[in-house]
Amino acid sequence: MPRPRSLTPDQLASAALAVIDRDGLIGLSMRAVAKELGMSTMGIYRYVRDREELEQLVVELVLNAVDAEPPASGAPWRERIEIMARRLRDAVGAHPAVVPLTLVHRHRSAGAMRWSETVLALLTEAGVEGERRVVALRALLAYVVGAIQQEHLGPLSGEGTVAITELPAAEFPYMTETARCARNVSADREFFDGLALVLRGLDV
């Protein structure tokens, strides 16, 4: 008789997420998660078929934390979409090493579908429909996910900015000047000013 299951999907995903938060994606393995849970590596396979299924559970756990309820209807549509972008940034930014997994598994995530459904409804209210709405949603997702990656996984602030300012100014005049200006741009300002540029392009 098979042993009864004792772990919920969320418990398994939480253990995997703890490994990722501590050791990065490179540290994620069935053995590492089993150790986190205090069980044998083979025991993990009673719950998931392989690492891919484990990754899906992690993405679902992170994206389920995103509040997908429509923001208050009294605000302009751009402000309401900004709220949705902030919610996604906050939830995923709390576990930045998971960002690459969200790109791979978002289409199977109910949390991602709920967020997208709300954003699509807001775009529709604003008069963005049909193929233009397709492009609008994908542009917003590309911006938000890309901005999270840049902020957490490959930031140009700190040492990166300093290195660019030290490039030969005669060869890279605009890069060096822009890097000097970047020292005064916070992560929040970069994210929301960039988002405003994208949303202005959707004006109807």
C-alpha atoms as a PDB file:
ATOM      1  CA  MET A   1       0.000   0.000   0.000  1.00  0.00           C
ATOM      2  CA  PRO A   2       1.469   3.415  -0.920  1.00  0.00           C
ATOM      3  CA  ARG A   3       2.325   5.772   1.893  1.00  0.00           C
ATOM      4  CA  PRO A   4      -0.220   8.592   2.355  1.00  0.00           C
ATOM      5  CA  ARG A   5       0.803  12.011   1.149  1.00  0.00           C
ATOM      6  CA  SER A   6       1.650  14.354   3.983  1.00  0.00           C
ATOM      7  CA  LEU A   7       2.826  17.506   2.153  1.00  0.00           C
ATOM      8  CA  THR A   8       0.630  20.028   0.393  1.00  0.00           C
ATOM      9  CA  PRO A   9       1.801  21.611  -2.882  1.00  0.00           C
ATOM     10  CA  ASP A  10       2.277  24.930  -1.065  1.00  0.00           C
ATOM     11  CA  GLN A  11       4.490  23.309   1.576  1.00  0.00           C
ATOM     12  CA  LEU A  12       6.626  21.709  -1.097  1.00  0.00           C
ATOM     13  CA  ALA A  13       6.815  24.975  -3.053  1.00  0.00           C
ATOM     14  CA  SER A  14       7.703  26.919   0.099  1.00  0.00           C
ATOM     15  CA  ALA A  15      10.633  24.602   0.760  1.00  0.00           C
ATOM     16  CA  ALA A  16      11.843  24.958  -2.828  1.00  0.00           C
ATOM     17  CA  LEU A  17      11.435  28.731  -2.618  1.00  0.00           C
ATOM     18  CA  ALA A  18      13.496  28.802   0.582  1.00  0.00           C
ATOM     19  CA  VAL A  19      16.284  26.993  -1.275  1.00  0.00           C
ATOM     20  CA  ILE A  20      16.103  29.445  -4.181  1.00  0.00           C
ATOM     21  CA  ASP A  21      16.046  32.500  -1.909  1.00  0.00           C
ATOM     22  CA  ARG A  22      19.109  31.212  -0.060  1.00  0.00           C
ATOM     23  CA  ASP A  23      21.162  29.575  -2.821  1.00  0.00           C
ATOM     24  CA  GLY A  24      19.756  30.958  -6.080  1.00  0.00           C
ATOM     25  CA  LEU A  25      18.367  28.924  -8.971  1.00  0.00           C
ATOM     26  CA  ILE A  26      21.666  27.103  -9.304  1.00  0.00           C
ATOM     27  CA  GLY A  27      21.045  25.607  -5.873  1.00  0.00           C
ATOM     28  CA  LEU A  28      17.608  24.215  -6.676  1.00  0.00           C
ATOM     29  CA  SER A  29      17.580  20.437  -6.879  1.00  0.00           C
ATOM     30  CA  MET A  30      15.384  17.616  -5.687  1.00  0.00           C
ATOM     31  CA  ARG A  31      18.065  16.709  -3.159  1.00  0.00           C
ATOM     32  CA  ALA A  32      18.266  20.261  -1.787  1.00  0.00           C
ATOM     33  CA  VAL A  33      14.500  20.500  -1.380  1.00  0.00           C
ATOM     34  CA  ALA A  34      14.362  17.082   0.264  1.00  0.00           C
ATOM     35  CA  LYS A  35      17.022  18.196   2.726  1.00  0.00           C
ATOM     36  CA  GLU A  36      15.053  21.387   3.418  1.00  0.00           C
ATOM     37  CA  LEU A  37      12.044  19.217   4.266  1.00  0.00           C
ATOM     38  CA  GLY A  38      14.025  16.643   6.244  1.00  0.00           C
ATOM     39  CA  MET A  39      13.147  13.751   3.961  1.00  0.00           C
ATOM     40  CA  SER A  40      14.823  11.478   1.427  1.00  0.00           C
ATOM     41  CA  THR A  41      15.389  12.631  -2.142  1.00  0.00           C
ATOM     42  CA  MET A  42      13.266   9.776  -3.458  1.00  0.00           C
ATOM     43  CA  GLY A  43      10.458  10.892  -1.170  1.00  0.00           C
ATOM     44  CA  ILE A  44      10.087  14.102  -3.210  1.00  0.00           C
ATOM     45  CA  TYR A  45       9.024  12.056  -6.220  1.00  0.00           C
ATOM     46  CA  ARG A  46       5.837  11.056  -4.433  1.00  0.00           C
ATOM     47  CA  TYR A  47       4.747  14.671  -4.884  1.00  0.00           C
ATOM     48  CA  VAL A  48       6.240  15.855  -8.195  1.00  0.00           C
ATOM     49  CA  ARG A  49       7.398  14.076 -11.345  1.00  0.00           C
ATOM     50  CA  ASP A  50      10.510  16.163 -11.903  1.00  0.00           C
ATOM     51  CA  ARG A  51      12.192  19.530 -11.382  1.00  0.00           C
ATOM     52  CA  GLU A  52       9.977  21.187 -13.989  1.00  0.00           C
ATOM     53  CA  GLU A  53       6.852  20.408 -11.999  1.00  0.00           C
ATOM     54  CA  LEU A  54       8.597  21.661  -8.861  1.00  0.00           C
ATOM     55  CA  GLU A  55       9.427  24.935 -10.627  1.00  0.00           C
ATOM     56  CA  GLN A  56       5.785  25.321 -11.635  1.00  0.00           C
ATOM     57  CA  LEU A  57       4.720  24.991  -8.001  1.00  0.00           C
ATOM     58  CA  VAL A  58       7.222  27.681  -6.993  1.00  0.00           C
ATOM     59  CA  VAL A  59       5.997  30.095  -9.669  1.00  0.00           C
ATOM     60  CA  GLU A  60       2.397  29.475  -8.652  1.00  0.00           C
ATOM     61  CA  LEU A  61       3.221  30.142  -5.002  1.00  0.00           C
ATOM     62  CA  VAL A  62       4.916  33.453  -5.823  1.00  0.00           C
ATOM     63  CA  LEU A  63       2.310  34.664  -8.309  1.00  0.00           C
ATOM     64  CA  ASN A  64      -0.599  33.632  -6.111  1.00  0.00           C
ATOM     65  CA  ALA A  65       0.640  36.293  -3.701  1.00  0.00           C
ATOM     66  CA  VAL A  66      -0.202  38.987  -6.274  1.00  0.00           C
ATOM     67  CA  ASP A  67      -3.462  40.763  -5.489  1.00  0.00           C
ATOM     68  CA  ALA A  68      -5.419  40.424  -8.746  1.00  0.00           C
ATOM     69  CA  GLU A  69      -8.528  42.271  -7.567  1.00  0.00           C
ATOM     70  CA  PRO A  70      -9.300  45.321  -9.748  1.00  0.00           C
ATOM     71  CA  PRO A  71      -8.195  48.603  -8.115  1.00  0.00           C
ATOM     72  CA  ALA A  72     -10.858  51.121  -7.102  1.00  0.00           C
ATOM     73  CA  SER A  73     -12.815  52.232 -10.150  1.00  0.00           C
ATOM     74  CA  GLY A  74     -12.620  55.949  -9.367  1.00  0.00           C
ATOM     75  CA  ALA A  75      -8.998  56.336 -10.463  1.00  0.00           C
ATOM     76  CA  PRO A  76      -7.879  56.894 -14.098  1.00  0.00           C
ATOM     77  CA  TRP A  77      -7.096  53.699 -16.007  1.00  0.00           C
ATOM     78  CA  ARG A  78      -3.361  54.398 -16.183  1.00  0.00           C
ATOM     79  CA  GLU A  79      -3.155  54.755 -12.393  1.00  0.00           C
ATOM     80  CA  ARG A  80      -5.059  51.491 -11.963  1.00  0.00           C
ATOM     81  CA  ILE A  81      -2.676  49.641 -14.263  1.00  0.00           C
ATOM     82  CA  GLU A  82       0.227  51.190 -12.366  1.00  0.00           C
ATOM     83  CA  ILE A  83      -1.224  49.671  -9.185  1.00  0.00           C
ATOM     84  CA  MET A  84      -1.349  46.266 -10.869  1.00  0.00           C
ATOM     85  CA  ALA A  85       2.253  46.647 -12.019  1.00  0.00           C
ATOM     86  CA  ARG A  86       3.311  47.613  -8.503  1.00  0.00           C
ATOM     87  CA  ARG A  87       1.629  44.523  -7.070  1.00  0.00           C
ATOM     88  CA  LEU A  88       3.417  42.231  -9.528  1.00  0.00           C
ATOM     89  CA  ARG A  89       6.754  43.961  -8.932  1.00  0.00           C
ATOM     90  CA  ASP A  90       6.397  43.671  -5.146  1.00  0.00           C
ATOM     91  CA  ALA A  91       5.449  39.982  -5.185  1.00  0.00           C
ATOM     92  CA  VAL A  92       8.085  38.831  -7.664  1.00  0.00           C
ATOM     93  CA  GLY A  93      10.717  41.285  -6.407  1.00  0.00           C
ATOM     94  CA  ALA A  94      10.497  39.650  -2.979  1.00  0.00           C
ATOM     95  CA  HIS A  95      12.016  36.532  -4.600  1.00  0.00           C
ATOM     96  CA  PRO A  96      14.105  37.915  -7.497  1.00  0.00           C
ATOM     97  CA  ALA A  97      15.896  34.657  -8.266  1.00  0.00           C
ATOM     98  CA  VAL A  98      12.522  33.244  -9.336  1.00  0.00           C
ATOM     99  CA  VAL A  99      12.151  35.794 -12.171  1.00  0.00           C
ATOM    100  CA  PRO A 100      13.586  33.484 -14.892  1.00  0.00           C
ATOM    101  CA  LEU A 101      11.132  30.770 -13.835  1.00  0.00           C
ATOM    102  CA  THR A 102       8.165  33.123 -14.212  1.00  0.00           C
ATOM    103  CA  LEU A 103       9.119  33.637 -17.858  1.00  0.00           C
ATOM    104  CA  VAL A 104       9.068  29.889 -18.493  1.00  0.00           C
ATOM    105  CA  HIS A 105       6.020  28.869 -16.459  1.00  0.00           C
ATOM    106  CA  ARG A 106       3.727  31.922 -16.362  1.00  0.00           C
ATOM    107  CA  HIS A 107       1.333  30.459 -18.954  1.00  0.00           C
ATOM    108  CA  ARG A 108       0.525  27.609 -16.556  1.00  0.00           C
ATOM    109  CA  SER A 109       0.081  29.858 -13.536  1.00  0.00           C
ATOM    110  CA  ALA A 110      -3.434  30.656 -12.344  1.00  0.00           C
ATOM    111  CA  GLY A 111      -2.010  33.650 -10.457  1.00  0.00           C
ATOM    112  CA  ALA A 112      -0.502  35.057 -13.649  1.00  0.00           C
ATOM    113  CA  MET A 113      -3.768  34.459 -15.519  1.00  0.00           C
ATOM    114  CA  ARG A 114      -5.768  36.333 -12.880  1.00  0.00           C
ATOM    115  CA  TRP A 115      -3.363  39.308 -13.001  1.00  0.00           C
ATOM    116  CA  SER A 116      -3.497  39.398 -16.787  1.00  0.00           C
ATOM    117  CA  GLU A 117      -7.292  39.118 -16.804  1.00  0.00           C
ATOM    118  CA  THR A 118      -7.594  42.181 -14.578  1.00  0.00           C
ATOM    119  CA  VAL A 119      -5.123  44.179 -16.685  1.00  0.00           C
ATOM    120  CA  LEU A 120      -6.975  43.190 -19.861  1.00  0.00           C
ATOM    121  CA  ALA A 121     -10.232  44.389 -18.322  1.00  0.00           C
ATOM    122  CA  LEU A 122      -8.632  47.738 -17.491  1.00  0.00           C
ATOM    123  CA  LEU A 123      -7.261  48.065 -21.008  1.00  0.00           C
ATOM    124  CA  THR A 124     -10.689  47.253 -22.423  1.00  0.00           C
ATOM    125  CA  GLU A 125     -12.300  49.930 -20.246  1.00  0.00           C
ATOM    126  CA  ALA A 126      -9.752  52.373 -21.671  1.00  0.00           C
ATOM    127  CA  GLY A 127     -10.771  51.472 -25.215  1.00  0.00           C
ATOM    128  CA  VAL A 128      -7.774  49.277 -26.048  1.00  0.00           C
ATOM    129  CA  GLU A 129      -9.136  46.209 -27.835  1.00  0.00           C
ATOM    130  CA  GLY A 130      -8.348  43.553 -30.428  1.00  0.00           C
ATOM    131  CA  GLU A 131      -4.776  43.152 -31.625  1.00  0.00           C
ATOM    132  CA  ARG A 132      -3.784  46.415 -29.974  1.00  0.00           C
ATOM    133  CA  ARG A 133      -4.783  44.932 -26.627  1.00  0.00           C
ATOM    134  CA  VAL A 134      -2.615  41.871 -27.320  1.00  0.00           C
ATOM    135  CA  VAL A 135       0.403  44.085 -27.928  1.00  0.00           C
ATOM    136  CA  ALA A 136      -0.443  46.270 -24.920  1.00  0.00           C
ATOM    137  CA  LEU A 137      -0.601  43.356 -22.471  1.00  0.00           C
ATOM    138  CA  ARG A 138       2.605  41.794 -23.768  1.00  0.00           C
ATOM    139  CA  ALA A 139       4.389  45.139 -23.698  1.00  0.00           C
ATOM    140  CA  LEU A 140       3.348  45.688 -20.082  1.00  0.00           C
ATOM    141  CA  LEU A 141       4.433  42.180 -19.071  1.00  0.00           C
ATOM    142  CA  ALA A 142       7.737  42.566 -20.914  1.00  0.00           C
ATOM    143  CA  TYR A 143       8.385  45.889 -19.222  1.00  0.00           C
ATOM    144  CA  VAL A 144       7.473  44.798 -15.688  1.00  0.00           C
ATOM    145  CA  VAL A 145       9.320  41.463 -15.792  1.00  0.00           C
ATOM    146  CA  GLY A 146      12.316  43.001 -17.559  1.00  0.00           C
ATOM    147  CA  ALA A 147      12.464  45.857 -15.068  1.00  0.00           C
ATOM    148  CA  ILE A 148      12.386  43.397 -12.156  1.00  0.00           C
ATOM    149  CA  GLN A 149      15.230  41.438 -13.728  1.00  0.00           C
ATOM    150  CA  GLN A 150      17.285  44.560 -14.271  1.00  0.00           C
ATOM    151  CA  GLU A 151      16.640  45.830 -10.753  1.00  0.00           C
ATOM    152  CA  HIS A 152      17.560  42.616  -8.952  1.00  0.00           C
ATOM    153  CA  LEU A 153      19.620  40.398 -11.267  1.00  0.00           C
ATOM    154  CA  GLY A 154      21.665  42.840 -13.307  1.00  0.00           C
ATOM    155  CA  PRO A 155      21.484  46.317 -11.782  1.00  0.00           C
ATOM    156  CA  LEU A 156      23.625  49.080 -13.224  1.00  0.00           C
ATOM    157  CA  SER A 157      23.650  50.920  -9.920  1.00  0.00           C
ATOM    158  CA  GLY A 158      26.665  50.827  -7.612  1.00  0.00           C
ATOM    159  CA  GLU A 159      29.745  49.189  -9.108  1.00  0.00           C
ATOM    160  CA  GLY A 160      28.109  48.791 -12.525  1.00  0.00           C
ATOM    161  CA  THR A 161      27.477  52.508 -12.848  1.00  0.00           C
ATOM    162  CA  VAL A 162      30.953  53.382 -11.588  1.00  0.00           C
ATOM    163  CA  ALA A 163      32.516  51.093 -14.181  1.00  0.00           C
ATOM    164  CA  ILE A 164      30.603  52.816 -16.979  1.00  0.00           C
ATOM    165  CA  THR A 165      31.602  56.284 -15.801  1.00  0.00           C
ATOM    166  CA  GLU A 166      35.231  55.167 -16.117  1.00  0.00           C
ATOM    167  CA  LEU A 167      34.903  54.228 -19.795  1.00  0.00           C
ATOM    168  CA  PRO A 168      36.831  56.445 -22.248  1.00  0.00           C
ATOM    169  CA  ALA A 169      34.584  59.499 -22.597  1.00  0.00           C
ATOM    170  CA  ALA A 170      35.806  60.183 -26.125  1.00  0.00           C
ATOM    171  CA  GLU A 171      34.603  56.757 -27.247  1.00  0.00           C
ATOM    172  CA  PHE A 172      31.454  56.517 -25.097  1.00  0.00           C
ATOM    173  CA  PRO A 173      30.328  60.108 -24.438  1.00  0.00           C
ATOM    174  CA  TYR A 174      26.656  59.317 -23.959  1.00  0.00           C
ATOM    175  CA  MET A 175      27.201  56.188 -21.884  1.00  0.00           C
ATOM    176  CA  THR A 176      29.523  57.923 -19.445  1.00  0.00           C
ATOM    177  CA  GLU A 177      27.284  60.977 -19.109  1.00  0.00           C
ATOM    178  CA  THR A 178      24.180  58.827 -18.622  1.00  0.00           C
ATOM    179  CA  ALA A 179      25.945  56.716 -15.994  1.00  0.00           C
ATOM    180  CA  ARG A 180      26.801  59.850 -14.032  1.00  0.00           C
ATOM    181  CA  CYS A 181      23.124  60.888 -14.102  1.00  0.00           C
ATOM    182  CA  ALA A 182      22.051  57.371 -13.123  1.00  0.00           C
ATOM    183  CA  ARG A 183      23.596  57.790  -9.685  1.00  0.00           C
ATOM    184  CA  ASN A 184      20.670  60.040  -8.777  1.00  0.00           C
ATOM    185  CA  VAL A 185      17.913  57.778 -10.108  1.00  0.00           C
ATOM    186  CA  SER A 186      16.326  55.482  -7.497  1.00  0.00           C
ATOM    187  CA  ALA A 187      14.979  52.035  -8.340  1.00  0.00           C
ATOM    188  CA  ASP A 188      11.423  53.232  -7.711  1.00  0.00           C
ATOM    189  CA  ARG A 189      11.815  56.258  -9.942  1.00  0.00           C
ATOM    190  CA  GLU A 190      13.355  54.171 -12.704  1.00  0.00           C
ATOM    191  CA  PHE A 191      10.529  51.627 -12.552  1.00  0.00           C
ATOM    192  CA  PHE A 192       7.568  53.984 -12.386  1.00  0.00           C
ATOM    193  CA  ASP A 193       8.922  56.626 -14.772  1.00  0.00           C
ATOM    194  CA  GLY A 194       9.644  53.868 -17.271  1.00  0.00           C
ATOM    195  CA  LEU A 195       6.163  52.446 -16.769  1.00  0.00           C
ATOM    196  CA  ALA A 196       4.681  55.906 -17.364  1.00  0.00           C
ATOM    197  CA  LEU A 197       6.459  56.039 -20.727  1.00  0.00           C
ATOM    198  CA  VAL A 198       4.937  52.708 -21.715  1.00  0.00           C
ATOM    199  CA  LEU A 199       1.456  53.730 -20.584  1.00  0.00           C
ATOM    200  CA  ARG A 200       1.632  57.027 -22.426  1.00  0.00           C
ATOM    201  CA  GLY A 201       2.221  55.044 -25.567  1.00  0.00           C
ATOM    202  CA  LEU A 202      -1.133  53.314 -24.975  1.00  0.00           C
ATOM    203  CA  ASP A 203      -3.144  56.547 -24.740  1.00  0.00           C
ATOM    204  CA  VAL A 204      -6.442  56.395 -26.550  1.00  0.00           C
END
